[in-house]
Amino acid sequence: MEIRTIGVVGLGTMGAGIAQVCVQAGVDVVGREVADDLAERGRSTIERYLARGVEKGRLAQDEMDAALGRLRLTTDLDDLAACDLVIEAIVEQIEAKKELFAALDSIVSPHTVLATNTSALSVTEIAAATAHPERVVGMHFFNPAPVLPLVEVVRTELTDPAVHDAAYSFAQRIGKEPIRCSDTPGFVVNRVLIPVLNDAIRVLDEAGVTPEDLDKAMLHGTKWPIGPCALIDLIGVDIHVHASEALWESLREPRMAPPPRLVAMARAGLLGRKTGRGFYTYD
């Protein structure tokens, strides 16, 4: 399967990052948002990060201009009809994703690959909303998408092996390090990472340790590149809680359930870097 033009549905943090990776790799991207102002905000995010690359000498100005020239914005799903691959990066809610995939299934060509960037929801359930579940895969990018190289390429029981191969090859083409996995709760990274981070947060209260000292312990005791509290702030407390709840619902393993401290922080709007305050305070 030749993938020349892709669609990215949702230009928030993840969608904008995925679109940026693709246009920098020379791929034409149709970015779709529900409103013009949200689409322009996504484009501004991409432009800002590309400009930072120019300032730091990682990117030439003409390369930045060419990359932005490969991005087209729309609020109309029908404009994705000619895409060879569509990657969904909307809100992490199963019904919203199922509704979107059902709509896309009737718009794109029979050969178009449909991919979800979900981090914790069932790819199989999302695919079941379409008439062609064999062309649905998971392509789970990690935040920030322009920086972190991993993409989990997720197959369901019904995914056509050629579709899975095409998604895997595309991830390689845009400079990522993909891995293949089946549709299980949390896939690979979150299945391992979420209970570990939850354990770390429970230790805060049980051991009477500060976030700073907990992070210092993991940085210097295990050589983690970033401490657990700083990592949750980076991911987003609300995102982590949502993923934990999804895994808890699927597996009913106590370590998967989000600690009360994180739930309280999410309800209070202390979401980490994106709100300026989580375990730490940010400018």
C-alpha atoms as a PDB file:
ATOM      1  CA  MET A   1       0.000   0.000   0.000  1.00  0.00           C
ATOM      2  CA  GLU A   2       1.429   3.360  -1.034  1.00  0.00           C
ATOM      3  CA  ILE A   3       0.749   6.132   1.467  1.00  0.00           C
ATOM      4  CA  ARG A   4       1.187   9.570  -0.081  1.00  0.00           C
ATOM      5  CA  THR A   5      -1.350  11.815   1.666  1.00  0.00           C
ATOM      6  CA  ILE A   6      -2.559  11.394   5.221  1.00  0.00           C
ATOM      7  CA  GLY A   7      -5.317  12.935   7.263  1.00  0.00           C
ATOM      8  CA  VAL A   8      -4.978  13.842  10.938  1.00  0.00           C
ATOM      9  CA  VAL A   9      -8.287  14.297  12.737  1.00  0.00           C
ATOM     10  CA  GLY A  10      -7.865  16.466  15.819  1.00  0.00           C
ATOM     11  CA  LEU A  11      -5.088  19.049  16.017  1.00  0.00           C
ATOM     12  CA  GLY A  12      -4.658  19.276  19.767  1.00  0.00           C
ATOM     13  CA  THR A  13      -1.362  18.424  21.443  1.00  0.00           C
ATOM     14  CA  MET A  14      -1.067  14.921  19.998  1.00  0.00           C
ATOM     15  CA  GLY A  15      -2.636  15.592  16.609  1.00  0.00           C
ATOM     16  CA  ALA A  16      -0.512  18.675  15.969  1.00  0.00           C
ATOM     17  CA  GLY A  17       2.587  16.721  16.966  1.00  0.00           C
ATOM     18  CA  ILE A  18       1.735  13.848  14.621  1.00  0.00           C
ATOM     19  CA  ALA A  19       1.018  16.266  11.773  1.00  0.00           C
ATOM     20  CA  GLN A  20       4.333  18.028  12.408  1.00  0.00           C
ATOM     21  CA  VAL A  21       6.272  14.766  12.259  1.00  0.00           C
ATOM     22  CA  CYS A  22       4.606  13.892   8.960  1.00  0.00           C
ATOM     23  CA  VAL A  23       5.076  17.227   7.168  1.00  0.00           C
ATOM     24  CA  GLN A  24       8.709  17.316   8.287  1.00  0.00           C
ATOM     25  CA  ALA A  25       9.127  13.857   6.746  1.00  0.00           C
ATOM     26  CA  GLY A  26       7.830  15.126   3.393  1.00  0.00           C
ATOM     27  CA  VAL A  27       4.264  13.816   3.653  1.00  0.00           C
ATOM     28  CA  ASP A  28       1.245  15.880   2.601  1.00  0.00           C
ATOM     29  CA  VAL A  29      -1.181  16.248   5.515  1.00  0.00           C
ATOM     30  CA  VAL A  30      -4.822  17.260   5.672  1.00  0.00           C
ATOM     31  CA  GLY A  31      -5.481  18.394   9.229  1.00  0.00           C
ATOM     32  CA  ARG A  32      -9.103  18.410  10.307  1.00  0.00           C
ATOM     33  CA  GLU A  33     -10.611  20.198  13.281  1.00  0.00           C
ATOM     34  CA  VAL A  34     -14.215  20.926  14.225  1.00  0.00           C
ATOM     35  CA  ALA A  35     -13.770  24.717  13.986  1.00  0.00           C
ATOM     36  CA  ASP A  36     -11.517  27.096  12.056  1.00  0.00           C
ATOM     37  CA  ASP A  37     -10.020  28.652  15.176  1.00  0.00           C
ATOM     38  CA  LEU A  38      -9.014  25.232  16.524  1.00  0.00           C
ATOM     39  CA  ALA A  39      -7.473  24.319  13.172  1.00  0.00           C
ATOM     40  CA  GLU A  40      -5.483  27.564  13.117  1.00  0.00           C
ATOM     41  CA  ARG A  41      -4.386  26.985  16.694  1.00  0.00           C
ATOM     42  CA  GLY A  42      -3.066  23.573  15.660  1.00  0.00           C
ATOM     43  CA  ARG A  43      -1.190  25.126  12.755  1.00  0.00           C
ATOM     44  CA  SER A  44       0.262  27.789  15.074  1.00  0.00           C
ATOM     45  CA  THR A  45       1.493  25.060  17.412  1.00  0.00           C
ATOM     46  CA  ILE A  46       3.255  23.305  14.544  1.00  0.00           C
ATOM     47  CA  GLU A  47       4.722  26.575  13.259  1.00  0.00           C
ATOM     48  CA  ARG A  48       5.972  27.507  16.726  1.00  0.00           C
ATOM     49  CA  TYR A  49       7.815  24.236  17.221  1.00  0.00           C
ATOM     50  CA  LEU A  50       9.270  24.313  13.724  1.00  0.00           C
ATOM     51  CA  ALA A  51      10.462  27.882  14.322  1.00  0.00           C
ATOM     52  CA  ARG A  52      12.140  26.727  17.520  1.00  0.00           C
ATOM     53  CA  GLY A  53      13.975  24.138  15.442  1.00  0.00           C
ATOM     54  CA  VAL A  54      15.177  26.887  13.087  1.00  0.00           C
ATOM     55  CA  GLU A  55      16.337  29.021  16.021  1.00  0.00           C
ATOM     56  CA  LYS A  56      18.350  26.108  17.414  1.00  0.00           C
ATOM     57  CA  GLY A  57      19.885  25.252  14.042  1.00  0.00           C
ATOM     58  CA  ARG A  58      18.170  21.878  13.709  1.00  0.00           C
ATOM     59  CA  LEU A  59      16.107  23.021  10.731  1.00  0.00           C
ATOM     60  CA  ALA A  60      16.687  25.448   7.854  1.00  0.00           C
ATOM     61  CA  GLN A  61      14.136  28.188   7.167  1.00  0.00           C
ATOM     62  CA  ASP A  62      13.359  26.814   3.707  1.00  0.00           C
ATOM     63  CA  GLU A  63      12.763  23.371   5.243  1.00  0.00           C
ATOM     64  CA  MET A  64      10.313  24.908   7.707  1.00  0.00           C
ATOM     65  CA  ASP A  65       8.494  26.755   4.919  1.00  0.00           C
ATOM     66  CA  ALA A  66       8.298  23.589   2.826  1.00  0.00           C
ATOM     67  CA  ALA A  67       6.944  21.593   5.773  1.00  0.00           C
ATOM     68  CA  LEU A  68       4.217  24.146   6.501  1.00  0.00           C
ATOM     69  CA  GLY A  69       3.369  24.150   2.786  1.00  0.00           C
ATOM     70  CA  ARG A  70       2.521  20.454   3.049  1.00  0.00           C
ATOM     71  CA  LEU A  71      -0.180  21.122   5.673  1.00  0.00           C
ATOM     72  CA  ARG A  72      -3.744  21.860   4.595  1.00  0.00           C
ATOM     73  CA  LEU A  73      -6.461  22.644   7.137  1.00  0.00           C
ATOM     74  CA  THR A  74     -10.151  21.817   6.976  1.00  0.00           C
ATOM     75  CA  THR A  75     -13.246  21.504   9.126  1.00  0.00           C
ATOM     76  CA  ASP A  76     -14.943  19.150   6.639  1.00  0.00           C
ATOM     77  CA  LEU A  77     -14.456  15.393   7.030  1.00  0.00           C
ATOM     78  CA  ASP A  78     -15.214  14.976   3.323  1.00  0.00           C
ATOM     79  CA  ASP A  79     -11.866  16.637   2.565  1.00  0.00           C
ATOM     80  CA  LEU A  80     -10.200  13.454   3.847  1.00  0.00           C
ATOM     81  CA  ALA A  81     -11.732  11.373   1.064  1.00  0.00           C
ATOM     82  CA  ALA A  82      -8.517  11.158  -0.967  1.00  0.00           C
ATOM     83  CA  CYS A  83      -6.211  10.328   1.953  1.00  0.00           C
ATOM     84  CA  ASP A  84      -4.356   7.013   1.950  1.00  0.00           C
ATOM     85  CA  LEU A  85      -4.116   6.949   5.755  1.00  0.00           C
ATOM     86  CA  VAL A  86      -6.200   8.789   8.343  1.00  0.00           C
ATOM     87  CA  ILE A  87      -4.913   9.031  11.930  1.00  0.00           C
ATOM     88  CA  GLU A  88      -7.459   9.919  14.591  1.00  0.00           C
ATOM     89  CA  ALA A  89      -6.246  12.001  17.550  1.00  0.00           C
ATOM     90  CA  ILE A  90      -9.458  13.314  19.080  1.00  0.00           C
ATOM     91  CA  VAL A  91     -10.719  13.194  22.670  1.00  0.00           C
ATOM     92  CA  GLU A  92     -10.049   9.890  24.463  1.00  0.00           C
ATOM     93  CA  GLN A  93     -13.696   8.814  24.629  1.00  0.00           C
ATOM     94  CA  ILE A  94     -14.818   5.571  23.042  1.00  0.00           C
ATOM     95  CA  GLU A  95     -18.197   6.780  21.749  1.00  0.00           C
ATOM     96  CA  ALA A  96     -16.673   9.840  20.088  1.00  0.00           C
ATOM     97  CA  LYS A  97     -14.074   7.681  18.383  1.00  0.00           C
ATOM     98  CA  LYS A  98     -16.628   5.119  17.223  1.00  0.00           C
ATOM     99  CA  GLU A  99     -18.819   7.852  15.764  1.00  0.00           C
ATOM    100  CA  LEU A 100     -15.838   9.336  13.920  1.00  0.00           C
ATOM    101  CA  PHE A 101     -14.664   5.999  12.513  1.00  0.00           C
ATOM    102  CA  ALA A 102     -18.167   5.156  11.301  1.00  0.00           C
ATOM    103  CA  ALA A 103     -18.268   8.491   9.480  1.00  0.00           C
ATOM    104  CA  LEU A 104     -14.776   8.086   8.003  1.00  0.00           C
ATOM    105  CA  ASP A 105     -15.603   4.571   6.843  1.00  0.00           C
ATOM    106  CA  SER A 106     -18.275   5.971   4.517  1.00  0.00           C
ATOM    107  CA  ILE A 107     -16.091   8.816   3.209  1.00  0.00           C
ATOM    108  CA  VAL A 108     -12.653   7.410   2.385  1.00  0.00           C
ATOM    109  CA  SER A 109     -11.799   4.870  -0.286  1.00  0.00           C
ATOM    110  CA  PRO A 110     -11.955   1.120   0.461  1.00  0.00           C
ATOM    111  CA  HIS A 111      -8.132   1.033   0.430  1.00  0.00           C
ATOM    112  CA  THR A 112      -7.602   3.802   2.997  1.00  0.00           C
ATOM    113  CA  VAL A 113      -6.033   2.749   6.299  1.00  0.00           C
ATOM    114  CA  LEU A 114      -7.820   4.071   9.391  1.00  0.00           C
ATOM    115  CA  ALA A 115      -5.680   4.426  12.518  1.00  0.00           C
ATOM    116  CA  THR A 116      -6.482   5.472  16.059  1.00  0.00           C
ATOM    117  CA  ASN A 117      -3.930   7.108  18.330  1.00  0.00           C
ATOM    118  CA  THR A 118      -5.713   5.867  21.461  1.00  0.00           C
ATOM    119  CA  SER A 119      -3.430   5.076  24.363  1.00  0.00           C
ATOM    120  CA  ALA A 120      -5.754   2.844  26.363  1.00  0.00           C
ATOM    121  CA  LEU A 121      -9.076   2.227  24.605  1.00  0.00           C
ATOM    122  CA  SER A 122      -9.952  -0.903  22.642  1.00  0.00           C
ATOM    123  CA  VAL A 123      -8.933  -0.690  18.989  1.00  0.00           C
ATOM    124  CA  THR A 124     -11.202  -3.675  18.354  1.00  0.00           C
ATOM    125  CA  GLU A 125     -14.238  -1.821  19.706  1.00  0.00           C
ATOM    126  CA  ILE A 126     -13.409   1.254  17.624  1.00  0.00           C
ATOM    127  CA  ALA A 127     -12.970  -0.890  14.516  1.00  0.00           C
ATOM    128  CA  ALA A 128     -16.335  -2.578  15.142  1.00  0.00           C
ATOM    129  CA  ALA A 129     -18.057   0.756  14.426  1.00  0.00           C
ATOM    130  CA  THR A 130     -16.971   0.461  10.783  1.00  0.00           C
ATOM    131  CA  ALA A 131     -18.113  -1.770   7.951  1.00  0.00           C
ATOM    132  CA  HIS A 132     -14.479  -2.577   7.185  1.00  0.00           C
ATOM    133  CA  PRO A 133     -12.732  -3.430  10.492  1.00  0.00           C
ATOM    134  CA  GLU A 134      -9.950  -5.164   8.589  1.00  0.00           C
ATOM    135  CA  ARG A 135      -8.500  -1.762   7.610  1.00  0.00           C
ATOM    136  CA  VAL A 136      -8.368  -0.372  11.173  1.00  0.00           C
ATOM    137  CA  VAL A 137      -5.187  -0.329  13.271  1.00  0.00           C
ATOM    138  CA  GLY A 138      -3.834   1.471  16.285  1.00  0.00           C
ATOM    139  CA  MET A 139      -0.926   3.879  15.798  1.00  0.00           C
ATOM    140  CA  HIS A 140      -0.103   5.044  19.312  1.00  0.00           C
ATOM    141  CA  PHE A 141       2.376   7.916  19.198  1.00  0.00           C
ATOM    142  CA  PHE A 142       3.911   9.192  22.429  1.00  0.00           C
ATOM    143  CA  ASN A 143       3.874  12.758  23.709  1.00  0.00           C
ATOM    144  CA  PRO A 144       5.632  14.875  22.543  1.00  0.00           C
ATOM    145  CA  ALA A 145       5.267  13.159  19.168  1.00  0.00           C
ATOM    146  CA  PRO A 146       8.042  15.149  17.430  1.00  0.00           C
ATOM    147  CA  VAL A 147      10.518  14.067  20.141  1.00  0.00           C
ATOM    148  CA  LEU A 148       9.684  10.540  21.303  1.00  0.00           C
ATOM    149  CA  PRO A 149      10.458   7.917  18.651  1.00  0.00           C
ATOM    150  CA  LEU A 150       8.162   5.060  19.665  1.00  0.00           C
ATOM    151  CA  VAL A 151       4.934   4.168  17.844  1.00  0.00           C
ATOM    152  CA  GLU A 152       2.941   1.137  18.963  1.00  0.00           C
ATOM    153  CA  VAL A 153       1.327  -0.333  15.843  1.00  0.00           C
ATOM    154  CA  VAL A 154      -1.650  -2.297  17.132  1.00  0.00           C
ATOM    155  CA  ARG A 155      -3.496  -5.065  15.318  1.00  0.00           C
ATOM    156  CA  THR A 156      -6.904  -6.504  16.162  1.00  0.00           C
ATOM    157  CA  GLU A 157      -8.052 -10.036  15.368  1.00  0.00           C
ATOM    158  CA  LEU A 158      -9.625  -8.676  12.173  1.00  0.00           C
ATOM    159  CA  THR A 159      -6.813  -6.374  10.981  1.00  0.00           C
ATOM    160  CA  ASP A 160      -5.565  -7.280   7.505  1.00  0.00           C
ATOM    161  CA  PRO A 161      -1.839  -8.160   7.822  1.00  0.00           C
ATOM    162  CA  ALA A 162      -1.138  -5.943   4.788  1.00  0.00           C
ATOM    163  CA  VAL A 163      -2.755  -2.999   6.586  1.00  0.00           C
ATOM    164  CA  HIS A 164      -0.690  -3.656   9.704  1.00  0.00           C
ATOM    165  CA  ASP A 165       2.458  -3.837   7.577  1.00  0.00           C
ATOM    166  CA  ALA A 166       1.561  -0.585   5.807  1.00  0.00           C
ATOM    167  CA  ALA A 167       1.085   1.272   9.085  1.00  0.00           C
ATOM    168  CA  TYR A 168       4.349  -0.139  10.447  1.00  0.00           C
ATOM    169  CA  SER A 169       6.259   0.847   7.296  1.00  0.00           C
ATOM    170  CA  PHE A 170       4.761   4.334   7.352  1.00  0.00           C
ATOM    171  CA  ALA A 171       5.904   4.838  10.946  1.00  0.00           C
ATOM    172  CA  GLN A 172       9.424   3.863   9.877  1.00  0.00           C
ATOM    173  CA  ARG A 173       9.234   6.194   6.870  1.00  0.00           C
ATOM    174  CA  ILE A 174       8.528   9.236   9.069  1.00  0.00           C
ATOM    175  CA  GLY A 175      11.517   8.435  11.267  1.00  0.00           C
ATOM    176  CA  LYS A 176       9.836   6.582  14.116  1.00  0.00           C
ATOM    177  CA  GLU A 177      10.765   3.344  15.897  1.00  0.00           C
ATOM    178  CA  PRO A 178       7.594   1.231  15.618  1.00  0.00           C
ATOM    179  CA  ILE A 179       6.815  -1.986  17.435  1.00  0.00           C
ATOM    180  CA  ARG A 180       4.095  -4.508  16.585  1.00  0.00           C
ATOM    181  CA  CYS A 181       1.594  -5.602  19.204  1.00  0.00           C
ATOM    182  CA  SER A 182      -1.900  -6.996  19.597  1.00  0.00           C
ATOM    183  CA  ASP A 183      -4.921  -5.149  20.944  1.00  0.00           C
ATOM    184  CA  THR A 184      -4.658  -5.739  24.679  1.00  0.00           C
ATOM    185  CA  PRO A 185      -5.421  -3.239  27.494  1.00  0.00           C
ATOM    186  CA  GLY A 186      -2.664  -0.630  27.627  1.00  0.00           C
ATOM    187  CA  PHE A 187      -0.795  -2.259  24.725  1.00  0.00           C
ATOM    188  CA  VAL A 188       2.873  -2.457  25.815  1.00  0.00           C
ATOM    189  CA  VAL A 189       4.150   0.747  27.412  1.00  0.00           C
ATOM    190  CA  ASN A 190       1.065   1.776  29.371  1.00  0.00           C
ATOM    191  CA  ARG A 191       0.483  -1.770  30.593  1.00  0.00           C
ATOM    192  CA  VAL A 192       3.920  -1.593  32.208  1.00  0.00           C
ATOM    193  CA  LEU A 193       4.170   2.117  33.018  1.00  0.00           C
ATOM    194  CA  ILE A 194       0.767   2.993  34.491  1.00  0.00           C
ATOM    195  CA  PRO A 195       0.871   0.614  37.489  1.00  0.00           C
ATOM    196  CA  VAL A 196       4.470   1.654  38.168  1.00  0.00           C
ATOM    197  CA  LEU A 197       3.543   5.357  38.179  1.00  0.00           C
ATOM    198  CA  ASN A 198       0.496   4.646  40.331  1.00  0.00           C
ATOM    199  CA  ASP A 199       2.700   2.790  42.820  1.00  0.00           C
ATOM    200  CA  ALA A 200       5.080   5.747  42.842  1.00  0.00           C
ATOM    201  CA  ILE A 201       2.289   8.186  43.728  1.00  0.00           C
ATOM    202  CA  ARG A 202       1.005   5.927  46.514  1.00  0.00           C
ATOM    203  CA  VAL A 203       4.524   5.947  47.955  1.00  0.00           C
ATOM    204  CA  LEU A 204       4.316   9.745  48.332  1.00  0.00           C
ATOM    205  CA  ASP A 205       1.840   9.384  51.162  1.00  0.00           C
ATOM    206  CA  GLU A 206       2.864   5.992  52.526  1.00  0.00           C
ATOM    207  CA  ALA A 207       6.558   6.871  52.837  1.00  0.00           C
ATOM    208  CA  GLY A 208       6.055  10.540  53.697  1.00  0.00           C
ATOM    209  CA  VAL A 209       8.325  11.600  50.825  1.00  0.00           C
ATOM    210  CA  THR A 210       8.099  14.824  48.806  1.00  0.00           C
ATOM    211  CA  PRO A 211       7.627  14.804  45.007  1.00  0.00           C
ATOM    212  CA  GLU A 212      11.131  16.274  44.705  1.00  0.00           C
ATOM    213  CA  ASP A 213      12.712  13.491  46.756  1.00  0.00           C
ATOM    214  CA  LEU A 214      10.684  10.774  45.058  1.00  0.00           C
ATOM    215  CA  ASP A 215      11.865  11.996  41.668  1.00  0.00           C
ATOM    216  CA  LYS A 216      15.435  12.276  42.976  1.00  0.00           C
ATOM    217  CA  ALA A 217      15.239   8.689  44.229  1.00  0.00           C
ATOM    218  CA  MET A 218      14.209   7.333  40.831  1.00  0.00           C
ATOM    219  CA  LEU A 219      16.647   9.530  38.927  1.00  0.00           C
ATOM    220  CA  HIS A 220      19.660   8.532  40.998  1.00  0.00           C
ATOM    221  CA  GLY A 221      18.607   5.129  42.280  1.00  0.00           C
ATOM    222  CA  THR A 222      17.414   3.589  39.027  1.00  0.00           C
ATOM    223  CA  LYS A 223      18.755   6.014  36.380  1.00  0.00           C
ATOM    224  CA  TRP A 224      15.296   6.974  35.153  1.00  0.00           C
ATOM    225  CA  PRO A 225      15.726   9.945  32.774  1.00  0.00           C
ATOM    226  CA  ILE A 226      12.801  11.743  34.431  1.00  0.00           C
ATOM    227  CA  GLY A 227      11.143  11.281  37.805  1.00  0.00           C
ATOM    228  CA  PRO A 228       7.604   9.851  38.107  1.00  0.00           C
ATOM    229  CA  CYS A 229       6.022  13.093  39.347  1.00  0.00           C
ATOM    230  CA  ALA A 230       7.666  15.151  36.613  1.00  0.00           C
ATOM    231  CA  LEU A 231       6.620  12.527  34.070  1.00  0.00           C
ATOM    232  CA  ILE A 232       2.968  12.614  35.121  1.00  0.00           C
ATOM    233  CA  ASP A 233       3.083  16.420  34.934  1.00  0.00           C
ATOM    234  CA  LEU A 234       4.414  16.079  31.381  1.00  0.00           C
ATOM    235  CA  ILE A 235       1.821  13.484  30.346  1.00  0.00           C
ATOM    236  CA  GLY A 236      -1.008  15.426  32.001  1.00  0.00           C
ATOM    237  CA  VAL A 237      -2.587  14.319  35.275  1.00  0.00           C
ATOM    238  CA  ASP A 238      -5.999  14.039  33.615  1.00  0.00           C
ATOM    239  CA  ILE A 239      -4.611  11.916  30.779  1.00  0.00           C
ATOM    240  CA  HIS A 240      -2.913   9.575  33.225  1.00  0.00           C
ATOM    241  CA  VAL A 241      -6.064   9.260  35.344  1.00  0.00           C
ATOM    242  CA  HIS A 242      -8.172   8.531  32.262  1.00  0.00           C
ATOM    243  CA  ALA A 243      -5.763   5.848  31.051  1.00  0.00           C
ATOM    244  CA  SER A 244      -5.616   4.326  34.540  1.00  0.00           C
ATOM    245  CA  GLU A 245      -9.405   4.191  34.727  1.00  0.00           C
ATOM    246  CA  ALA A 246      -9.581   2.514  31.321  1.00  0.00           C
ATOM    247  CA  LEU A 247      -7.089  -0.152  32.375  1.00  0.00           C
ATOM    248  CA  TRP A 248      -8.875  -0.650  35.697  1.00  0.00           C
ATOM    249  CA  GLU A 249     -12.169  -1.143  33.872  1.00  0.00           C
ATOM    250  CA  SER A 250     -10.581  -3.697  31.545  1.00  0.00           C
ATOM    251  CA  LEU A 251      -8.403  -5.654  33.970  1.00  0.00           C
ATOM    252  CA  ARG A 252      -9.683  -4.996  37.511  1.00  0.00           C
ATOM    253  CA  GLU A 253      -6.128  -5.124  38.833  1.00  0.00           C
ATOM    254  CA  PRO A 254      -5.821  -2.839  41.903  1.00  0.00           C
ATOM    255  CA  ARG A 255      -2.516  -1.346  40.759  1.00  0.00           C
ATOM    256  CA  MET A 256      -4.221  -0.054  37.604  1.00  0.00           C
ATOM    257  CA  ALA A 257      -6.732   2.115  39.513  1.00  0.00           C
ATOM    258  CA  PRO A 258      -5.707   5.781  39.755  1.00  0.00           C
ATOM    259  CA  PRO A 259      -4.598   6.813  43.259  1.00  0.00           C
ATOM    260  CA  PRO A 260      -7.022   9.194  45.027  1.00  0.00           C
ATOM    261  CA  ARG A 261      -4.339  11.879  45.084  1.00  0.00           C
ATOM    262  CA  LEU A 262      -4.235  11.973  41.272  1.00  0.00           C
ATOM    263  CA  VAL A 263      -8.028  11.939  40.971  1.00  0.00           C
ATOM    264  CA  ALA A 264      -8.229  14.914  43.353  1.00  0.00           C
ATOM    265  CA  MET A 265      -5.567  16.799  41.382  1.00  0.00           C
ATOM    266  CA  ALA A 266      -7.435  16.173  38.125  1.00  0.00           C
ATOM    267  CA  ARG A 267     -10.694  17.465  39.613  1.00  0.00           C
ATOM    268  CA  ALA A 268      -8.911  20.560  40.912  1.00  0.00           C
ATOM    269  CA  GLY A 269      -7.444  21.333  37.499  1.00  0.00           C
ATOM    270  CA  LEU A 270      -3.865  20.693  38.630  1.00  0.00           C
ATOM    271  CA  LEU A 271      -2.995  18.903  35.419  1.00  0.00           C
ATOM    272  CA  GLY A 272       0.739  19.521  35.190  1.00  0.00           C
ATOM    273  CA  ARG A 273       2.684  21.446  32.593  1.00  0.00           C
ATOM    274  CA  LYS A 274      -0.312  22.318  30.420  1.00  0.00           C
ATOM    275  CA  THR A 275      -2.016  24.215  33.261  1.00  0.00           C
ATOM    276  CA  GLY A 276       1.145  25.540  34.885  1.00  0.00           C
ATOM    277  CA  ARG A 277       0.755  23.513  38.056  1.00  0.00           C
ATOM    278  CA  GLY A 278       0.711  19.849  39.009  1.00  0.00           C
ATOM    279  CA  PHE A 279       3.240  18.279  41.340  1.00  0.00           C
ATOM    280  CA  TYR A 280       5.421  21.220  40.348  1.00  0.00           C
ATOM    281  CA  THR A 281       4.779  24.802  39.269  1.00  0.00           C
ATOM    282  CA  TYR A 282       5.671  25.893  35.735  1.00  0.00           C
ATOM    283  CA  ASP A 283       6.062  29.313  34.124  1.00  0.00           C
END
